[in-house]
Amino acid sequence: SYLTPPVISSLLSRLRIKSEEATDGLPSILQDARVVRRSLDARRRKGSDPKYTYVIDIDLTRQAARKLGLAPQSGKMEILDDKKMKGQDDDIANNAEDSQAKPRIVIVGAGPAGLFCALSLASSGLCTPILLERGQPVETRGKSIGALIHRRCVDPESNFSFGEGGAGTWSDGKLTTRIGRNSGSVRYVLETLVKYGAPERILVEGAPHLGTDNLVRLLRNMREDLR
């Protein structure tokens, strides 16, 4: 829905493709195009109104890339590796069937790092992850935090710091990173969040936001899948 005609027209202009070559949205030289990031540039510039900026992934052959004269440009254009975009090596899944006796790996803490570690290990098929958390499941933890806020009753094992989801579960749900918002690893995390119940708009919006309500449902879905 983000790949609107004006966006396509701007993309074709940037790639120096004549618009008349596009018979049904995209020209035949492009196999596919996806908006992976949209952000609002509201900086005050003389004679310029606020505008959206887009990061778009395109699929095309090497021959087509050479024909268009495309080359990597730092901060403007990069070549993406398919395996990095998926966030994991396909060979792991392919070799999973060869594993007979699966070792058990203990993961301490059901915060973001622990949860994604458990999900990655479980999906690999090479081991059985065991996730340990000193606090309560997210539903029970919500009651503990309510008691803390309204009655000043502190449960030392279930509070803002301890419990399923980690310390950020009762934050405002903003997703930030300093390692490149469009990197394969970040895309993998966002796509996993969507898989478990996050709104799809976080895949595109420049300032993605989950919200506590979505976090509770998302964590519950992750737990059920790990079981």
C-alpha atoms as a PDB file:
ATOM      1  CA  SER A   1       0.000   0.000   0.000  1.00  0.00           C
ATOM      2  CA  TYR A   2       3.002   2.317   0.454  1.00  0.00           C
ATOM      3  CA  LEU A   3       4.174   1.735  -3.131  1.00  0.00           C
ATOM      4  CA  THR A   4       1.838   4.340  -4.616  1.00  0.00           C
ATOM      5  CA  PRO A   5       2.045   5.689  -8.201  1.00  0.00           C
ATOM      6  CA  PRO A   6       3.912   8.861  -7.086  1.00  0.00           C
ATOM      7  CA  VAL A   7       6.446   6.705  -5.205  1.00  0.00           C
ATOM      8  CA  ILE A   8       6.916   4.446  -8.235  1.00  0.00           C
ATOM      9  CA  SER A   9       7.334   7.505 -10.468  1.00  0.00           C
ATOM     10  CA  SER A  10      10.028   8.898  -8.148  1.00  0.00           C
ATOM     11  CA  LEU A  11      11.765   5.496  -8.070  1.00  0.00           C
ATOM     12  CA  LEU A  12      11.824   5.241 -11.851  1.00  0.00           C
ATOM     13  CA  SER A  13      13.206   8.762 -12.066  1.00  0.00           C
ATOM     14  CA  ARG A  14      15.984   7.923  -9.604  1.00  0.00           C
ATOM     15  CA  LEU A  15      16.853   4.806 -11.624  1.00  0.00           C
ATOM     16  CA  ARG A  16      16.673   6.776 -14.884  1.00  0.00           C
ATOM     17  CA  ILE A  17      13.944   4.526 -16.282  1.00  0.00           C
ATOM     18  CA  LYS A  18      11.406   6.109 -18.580  1.00  0.00           C
ATOM     19  CA  SER A  19       7.914   5.951 -17.102  1.00  0.00           C
ATOM     20  CA  GLU A  20       6.429   4.729 -20.382  1.00  0.00           C
ATOM     21  CA  GLU A  21       8.454   1.514 -19.960  1.00  0.00           C
ATOM     22  CA  ALA A  22       6.244   0.611 -16.994  1.00  0.00           C
ATOM     23  CA  THR A  23       3.153  -1.055 -18.347  1.00  0.00           C
ATOM     24  CA  ASP A  24       1.656  -2.346 -15.086  1.00  0.00           C
ATOM     25  CA  GLY A  25       3.169  -0.347 -12.248  1.00  0.00           C
ATOM     26  CA  LEU A  26       6.754  -1.570 -12.528  1.00  0.00           C
ATOM     27  CA  PRO A  27       8.806  -1.920 -15.720  1.00  0.00           C
ATOM     28  CA  SER A  28       9.824  -5.404 -16.796  1.00  0.00           C
ATOM     29  CA  ILE A  29      13.465  -4.721 -15.933  1.00  0.00           C
ATOM     30  CA  LEU A  30      12.497  -4.668 -12.231  1.00  0.00           C
ATOM     31  CA  GLN A  31      11.349  -7.986 -10.805  1.00  0.00           C
ATOM     32  CA  ASP A  32       9.902  -6.502  -7.624  1.00  0.00           C
ATOM     33  CA  ALA A  33      10.002  -3.426  -5.387  1.00  0.00           C
ATOM     34  CA  ARG A  34       9.190  -3.059  -1.683  1.00  0.00           C
ATOM     35  CA  VAL A  35       9.030  -0.043   0.609  1.00  0.00           C
ATOM     36  CA  VAL A  36      11.069  -0.959   3.685  1.00  0.00           C
ATOM     37  CA  ARG A  37      11.171   2.441   5.387  1.00  0.00           C
ATOM     38  CA  ARG A  38       9.157   5.645   5.267  1.00  0.00           C
ATOM     39  CA  SER A  39       9.987   8.668   7.387  1.00  0.00           C
ATOM     40  CA  LEU A  40       8.769  12.264   7.480  1.00  0.00           C
ATOM     41  CA  ASP A  41      11.345  14.967   6.815  1.00  0.00           C
ATOM     42  CA  ALA A  42       9.876  18.055   8.482  1.00  0.00           C
ATOM     43  CA  ARG A  43      13.052  20.118   8.596  1.00  0.00           C
ATOM     44  CA  ARG A  44      12.480  23.761   7.758  1.00  0.00           C
ATOM     45  CA  ARG A  45      14.107  24.577   4.457  1.00  0.00           C
ATOM     46  CA  LYS A  46      13.588  27.658   2.400  1.00  0.00           C
ATOM     47  CA  GLY A  47      10.929  27.035  -0.238  1.00  0.00           C
ATOM     48  CA  SER A  48      10.482  23.396   0.776  1.00  0.00           C
ATOM     49  CA  ASP A  49       7.492  21.725   2.408  1.00  0.00           C
ATOM     50  CA  PRO A  50       7.655  18.670   4.685  1.00  0.00           C
ATOM     51  CA  LYS A  51       8.011  15.480   2.670  1.00  0.00           C
ATOM     52  CA  TYR A  52       8.261  11.736   3.079  1.00  0.00           C
ATOM     53  CA  THR A  53      11.523   9.982   2.320  1.00  0.00           C
ATOM     54  CA  TYR A  54      11.552   6.292   1.368  1.00  0.00           C
ATOM     55  CA  VAL A  55      13.962   3.378   1.452  1.00  0.00           C
ATOM     56  CA  ILE A  56      13.007   0.904  -1.262  1.00  0.00           C
ATOM     57  CA  ASP A  57      14.367  -2.569  -1.986  1.00  0.00           C
ATOM     58  CA  ILE A  58      14.275  -3.696  -5.604  1.00  0.00           C
ATOM     59  CA  ASP A  59      14.875  -7.129  -7.108  1.00  0.00           C
ATOM     60  CA  LEU A  60      16.622  -7.333 -10.464  1.00  0.00           C
ATOM     61  CA  THR A  61      19.217  -9.414 -12.261  1.00  0.00           C
ATOM     62  CA  ARG A  62      22.903  -8.528 -12.357  1.00  0.00           C
ATOM     63  CA  GLN A  63      22.537  -7.933 -16.065  1.00  0.00           C
ATOM     64  CA  ALA A  64      19.734  -5.451 -15.448  1.00  0.00           C
ATOM     65  CA  ALA A  65      21.789  -3.691 -12.773  1.00  0.00           C
ATOM     66  CA  ARG A  66      24.686  -3.281 -15.206  1.00  0.00           C
ATOM     67  CA  LYS A  67      22.317  -2.024 -17.892  1.00  0.00           C
ATOM     68  CA  LEU A  68      20.985   0.649 -15.504  1.00  0.00           C
ATOM     69  CA  GLY A  69      24.493   1.547 -14.396  1.00  0.00           C
ATOM     70  CA  LEU A  70      23.749   0.834 -10.736  1.00  0.00           C
ATOM     71  CA  ALA A  71      26.644   0.735  -8.314  1.00  0.00           C
ATOM     72  CA  PRO A  72      26.899   0.857  -4.508  1.00  0.00           C
ATOM     73  CA  GLN A  73      26.846   4.379  -3.077  1.00  0.00           C
ATOM     74  CA  SER A  74      27.365   4.881   0.643  1.00  0.00           C
ATOM     75  CA  GLY A  75      24.144   6.043   2.259  1.00  0.00           C
ATOM     76  CA  LYS A  76      22.219   5.942  -1.028  1.00  0.00           C
ATOM     77  CA  MET A  77      22.412   2.517  -2.618  1.00  0.00           C
ATOM     78  CA  GLU A  78      23.649  -0.863  -1.442  1.00  0.00           C
ATOM     79  CA  ILE A  79      23.640  -4.463  -2.608  1.00  0.00           C
ATOM     80  CA  LEU A  80      21.751  -6.714  -0.231  1.00  0.00           C
ATOM     81  CA  ASP A  81      22.565 -10.344   0.407  1.00  0.00           C
ATOM     82  CA  ASP A  82      19.492 -12.599   0.493  1.00  0.00           C
ATOM     83  CA  LYS A  83      20.668 -14.552   3.528  1.00  0.00           C
ATOM     84  CA  LYS A  84      21.295 -11.374   5.512  1.00  0.00           C
ATOM     85  CA  MET A  85      17.832 -10.106   4.642  1.00  0.00           C
ATOM     86  CA  LYS A  86      16.304 -13.278   6.039  1.00  0.00           C
ATOM     87  CA  GLY A  87      18.308 -12.784   9.199  1.00  0.00           C
ATOM     88  CA  GLN A  88      19.500 -16.365   9.360  1.00  0.00           C
ATOM     89  CA  ASP A  89      21.425 -18.917   7.357  1.00  0.00           C
ATOM     90  CA  ASP A  90      19.213 -21.314   5.405  1.00  0.00           C
ATOM     91  CA  ASP A  91      21.871 -24.012   5.797  1.00  0.00           C
ATOM     92  CA  ILE A  92      21.040 -24.232   9.500  1.00  0.00           C
ATOM     93  CA  ALA A  93      17.471 -25.255   8.776  1.00  0.00           C
ATOM     94  CA  ASN A  94      18.597 -27.655   6.060  1.00  0.00           C
ATOM     95  CA  ASN A  95      21.027 -29.380   8.397  1.00  0.00           C
ATOM     96  CA  ALA A  96      18.510 -29.605  11.233  1.00  0.00           C
ATOM     97  CA  GLU A  97      17.193 -32.963  10.024  1.00  0.00           C
ATOM     98  CA  ASP A  98      20.693 -34.443  10.331  1.00  0.00           C
ATOM     99  CA  SER A  99      20.794 -33.713  14.028  1.00  0.00           C
ATOM    100  CA  GLN A 100      19.843 -36.804  16.059  1.00  0.00           C
ATOM    101  CA  ALA A 101      20.371 -36.078  19.748  1.00  0.00           C
ATOM    102  CA  LYS A 102      19.562 -32.439  20.322  1.00  0.00           C
ATOM    103  CA  PRO A 103      21.482 -30.765  23.138  1.00  0.00           C
ATOM    104  CA  ARG A 104      19.579 -28.611  25.624  1.00  0.00           C
ATOM    105  CA  ILE A 105      20.722 -25.013  25.934  1.00  0.00           C
ATOM    106  CA  VAL A 106      19.694 -22.933  28.948  1.00  0.00           C
ATOM    107  CA  ILE A 107      18.948 -19.242  28.377  1.00  0.00           C
ATOM    108  CA  VAL A 108      18.680 -17.052  31.481  1.00  0.00           C
ATOM    109  CA  GLY A 109      16.296 -14.111  31.211  1.00  0.00           C
ATOM    110  CA  ALA A 110      13.195 -13.634  29.054  1.00  0.00           C
ATOM    111  CA  GLY A 111      14.007 -10.111  27.956  1.00  0.00           C
ATOM    112  CA  PRO A 112      14.380  -9.184  24.258  1.00  0.00           C
ATOM    113  CA  ALA A 113      17.821 -10.816  23.917  1.00  0.00           C
ATOM    114  CA  GLY A 114      16.764 -14.004  25.690  1.00  0.00           C
ATOM    115  CA  LEU A 115      13.513 -14.334  23.760  1.00  0.00           C
ATOM    116  CA  PHE A 116      15.131 -13.864  20.364  1.00  0.00           C
ATOM    117  CA  CYS A 117      17.937 -16.228  21.326  1.00  0.00           C
ATOM    118  CA  ALA A 118      15.368 -18.891  22.243  1.00  0.00           C
ATOM    119  CA  LEU A 119      13.324 -18.313  19.078  1.00  0.00           C
ATOM    120  CA  SER A 120      16.423 -18.503  16.858  1.00  0.00           C
ATOM    121  CA  LEU A 121      17.686 -21.689  18.500  1.00  0.00           C
ATOM    122  CA  ALA A 122      14.247 -23.309  18.362  1.00  0.00           C
ATOM    123  CA  SER A 123      13.816 -22.480  14.670  1.00  0.00           C
ATOM    124  CA  SER A 124      17.268 -23.901  13.863  1.00  0.00           C
ATOM    125  CA  GLY A 125      16.171 -27.357  14.966  1.00  0.00           C
ATOM    126  CA  LEU A 126      19.673 -28.083  16.246  1.00  0.00           C
ATOM    127  CA  CYS A 127      18.884 -27.890  19.956  1.00  0.00           C
ATOM    128  CA  THR A 128      16.168 -27.579  22.569  1.00  0.00           C
ATOM    129  CA  PRO A 129      16.273 -24.146  24.239  1.00  0.00           C
ATOM    130  CA  ILE A 130      15.218 -23.856  27.893  1.00  0.00           C
ATOM    131  CA  LEU A 131      14.281 -20.283  28.802  1.00  0.00           C
ATOM    132  CA  LEU A 132      14.483 -19.327  32.497  1.00  0.00           C
ATOM    133  CA  GLU A 133      12.919 -16.157  33.934  1.00  0.00           C
ATOM    134  CA  ARG A 134      12.763 -15.244  37.636  1.00  0.00           C
ATOM    135  CA  GLY A 135       9.692 -13.046  37.169  1.00  0.00           C
ATOM    136  CA  GLN A 136       6.106 -13.784  36.235  1.00  0.00           C
ATOM    137  CA  PRO A 137       4.428 -14.276  32.827  1.00  0.00           C
ATOM    138  CA  VAL A 138       3.403 -11.009  31.250  1.00  0.00           C
ATOM    139  CA  GLU A 139      -0.280 -11.341  32.248  1.00  0.00           C
ATOM    140  CA  THR A 140       0.510 -11.893  35.944  1.00  0.00           C
ATOM    141  CA  ARG A 141       3.251  -9.307  35.803  1.00  0.00           C
ATOM    142  CA  GLY A 142       0.680  -6.702  34.755  1.00  0.00           C
ATOM    143  CA  LYS A 143      -1.230  -7.290  37.993  1.00  0.00           C
ATOM    144  CA  SER A 144       1.975  -6.930  40.015  1.00  0.00           C
ATOM    145  CA  ILE A 145       2.800  -3.633  38.336  1.00  0.00           C
ATOM    146  CA  GLY A 146      -0.765  -2.404  38.883  1.00  0.00           C
ATOM    147  CA  ALA A 147      -0.395  -3.146  42.599  1.00  0.00           C
ATOM    148  CA  LEU A 148       2.925  -1.296  42.618  1.00  0.00           C
ATOM    149  CA  ILE A 149       1.520   1.806  40.912  1.00  0.00           C
ATOM    150  CA  HIS A 150      -1.799   2.086  42.748  1.00  0.00           C
ATOM    151  CA  ARG A 151      -1.109   0.534  46.176  1.00  0.00           C
ATOM    152  CA  ARG A 152       2.677   0.850  46.462  1.00  0.00           C
ATOM    153  CA  CYS A 153       2.950  -2.910  46.991  1.00  0.00           C
ATOM    154  CA  VAL A 154       6.247  -4.192  45.594  1.00  0.00           C
ATOM    155  CA  ASP A 155       6.688  -7.810  44.549  1.00  0.00           C
ATOM    156  CA  PRO A 156      10.485  -8.325  44.526  1.00  0.00           C
ATOM    157  CA  GLU A 157      10.155 -11.068  41.890  1.00  0.00           C
ATOM    158  CA  SER A 158       7.604  -9.370  39.583  1.00  0.00           C
ATOM    159  CA  ASN A 159       7.906  -5.653  38.875  1.00  0.00           C
ATOM    160  CA  PHE A 160       9.163  -3.192  36.256  1.00  0.00           C
ATOM    161  CA  SER A 161      12.560  -4.904  36.170  1.00  0.00           C
ATOM    162  CA  PHE A 162      11.749  -8.610  36.526  1.00  0.00           C
ATOM    163  CA  GLY A 163       9.318 -10.670  34.485  1.00  0.00           C
ATOM    164  CA  GLU A 164       8.577 -11.910  31.002  1.00  0.00           C
ATOM    165  CA  GLY A 165       9.575  -9.343  28.384  1.00  0.00           C
ATOM    166  CA  GLY A 166      12.258  -7.609  30.413  1.00  0.00           C
ATOM    167  CA  ALA A 167      12.418  -4.072  31.744  1.00  0.00           C
ATOM    168  CA  GLY A 168      11.108  -2.470  28.559  1.00  0.00           C
ATOM    169  CA  THR A 169       7.730  -4.228  28.482  1.00  0.00           C
ATOM    170  CA  TRP A 170       5.978  -1.363  30.260  1.00  0.00           C
ATOM    171  CA  SER A 171       7.759   1.338  28.295  1.00  0.00           C
ATOM    172  CA  ASP A 172       6.011   3.290  25.531  1.00  0.00           C
ATOM    173  CA  GLY A 173       7.057   0.663  22.969  1.00  0.00           C
ATOM    174  CA  LYS A 174       9.239   2.808  20.713  1.00  0.00           C
ATOM    175  CA  LEU A 175      11.685   0.775  18.600  1.00  0.00           C
ATOM    176  CA  THR A 176      15.112   2.378  18.200  1.00  0.00           C
ATOM    177  CA  THR A 177      18.500   1.157  17.023  1.00  0.00           C
ATOM    178  CA  ARG A 178      21.967   2.519  16.357  1.00  0.00           C
ATOM    179  CA  ILE A 179      23.136  -0.274  14.029  1.00  0.00           C
ATOM    180  CA  GLY A 180      21.305   0.733  10.851  1.00  0.00           C
ATOM    181  CA  ARG A 181      17.533   0.700  10.585  1.00  0.00           C
ATOM    182  CA  ASN A 182      17.597  -1.068   7.224  1.00  0.00           C
ATOM    183  CA  SER A 183      20.187  -3.742   7.999  1.00  0.00           C
ATOM    184  CA  GLY A 184      19.302  -7.390   7.579  1.00  0.00           C
ATOM    185  CA  SER A 185      19.436  -8.061  11.329  1.00  0.00           C
ATOM    186  CA  VAL A 186      17.074  -5.200  12.133  1.00  0.00           C
ATOM    187  CA  ARG A 187      14.677  -6.271   9.377  1.00  0.00           C
ATOM    188  CA  TYR A 188      14.698  -9.798  10.807  1.00  0.00           C
ATOM    189  CA  VAL A 189      13.751  -8.500  14.258  1.00  0.00           C
ATOM    190  CA  LEU A 190      10.935  -6.324  12.875  1.00  0.00           C
ATOM    191  CA  GLU A 191       9.567  -9.136  10.713  1.00  0.00           C
ATOM    192  CA  THR A 192       9.640 -11.495  13.712  1.00  0.00           C
ATOM    193  CA  LEU A 193       7.710  -8.968  15.808  1.00  0.00           C
ATOM    194  CA  VAL A 194       5.081  -8.715  13.072  1.00  0.00           C
ATOM    195  CA  LYS A 195       4.884 -12.513  12.878  1.00  0.00           C
ATOM    196  CA  TYR A 196       3.904 -12.633  16.547  1.00  0.00           C
ATOM    197  CA  GLY A 197       1.331  -9.861  16.468  1.00  0.00           C
ATOM    198  CA  ALA A 198       2.969  -6.460  15.990  1.00  0.00           C
ATOM    199  CA  PRO A 199       1.286  -4.112  13.473  1.00  0.00           C
ATOM    200  CA  GLU A 200       2.738  -4.384   9.954  1.00  0.00           C
ATOM    201  CA  ARG A 201       3.329  -0.634   9.791  1.00  0.00           C
ATOM    202  CA  ILE A 202       6.467  -1.023  11.941  1.00  0.00           C
ATOM    203  CA  LEU A 203       8.167  -2.556   8.878  1.00  0.00           C
ATOM    204  CA  VAL A 204       7.900   0.754   7.057  1.00  0.00           C
ATOM    205  CA  GLU A 205       7.421   3.684   9.419  1.00  0.00           C
ATOM    206  CA  GLY A 206      10.519   5.723  10.172  1.00  0.00           C
ATOM    207  CA  ALA A 207       9.714   5.875  13.918  1.00  0.00           C
ATOM    208  CA  PRO A 208       8.079   2.489  14.604  1.00  0.00           C
ATOM    209  CA  HIS A 209       6.011   2.212  17.771  1.00  0.00           C
ATOM    210  CA  LEU A 210       4.539  -0.931  19.332  1.00  0.00           C
ATOM    211  CA  GLY A 211       2.638   0.177  22.425  1.00  0.00           C
ATOM    212  CA  THR A 212       2.305  -1.801  25.664  1.00  0.00           C
ATOM    213  CA  ASP A 213      -0.954  -3.485  24.608  1.00  0.00           C
ATOM    214  CA  ASN A 214       0.721  -4.955  21.531  1.00  0.00           C
ATOM    215  CA  LEU A 215       3.736  -6.014  23.592  1.00  0.00           C
ATOM    216  CA  VAL A 216       1.606  -8.070  25.973  1.00  0.00           C
ATOM    217  CA  ARG A 217      -0.081  -9.970  23.122  1.00  0.00           C
ATOM    218  CA  LEU A 218       3.200 -10.377  21.268  1.00  0.00           C
ATOM    219  CA  LEU A 219       5.012 -11.841  24.292  1.00  0.00           C
ATOM    220  CA  ARG A 220       2.179 -14.263  24.958  1.00  0.00           C
ATOM    221  CA  ASN A 221       2.332 -15.484  21.354  1.00  0.00           C
ATOM    222  CA  MET A 222       6.095 -15.950  21.547  1.00  0.00           C
ATOM    223  CA  ARG A 223       5.754 -17.997  24.726  1.00  0.00           C
ATOM    224  CA  GLU A 224       3.095 -20.239  23.234  1.00  0.00           C
ATOM    225  CA  ASP A 225       5.228 -20.832  20.141  1.00  0.00           C
ATOM    226  CA  LEU A 226       8.273 -21.755  22.231  1.00  0.00           C
ATOM    227  CA  ARG A 227       6.225 -24.295  24.145  1.00  0.00           C
END
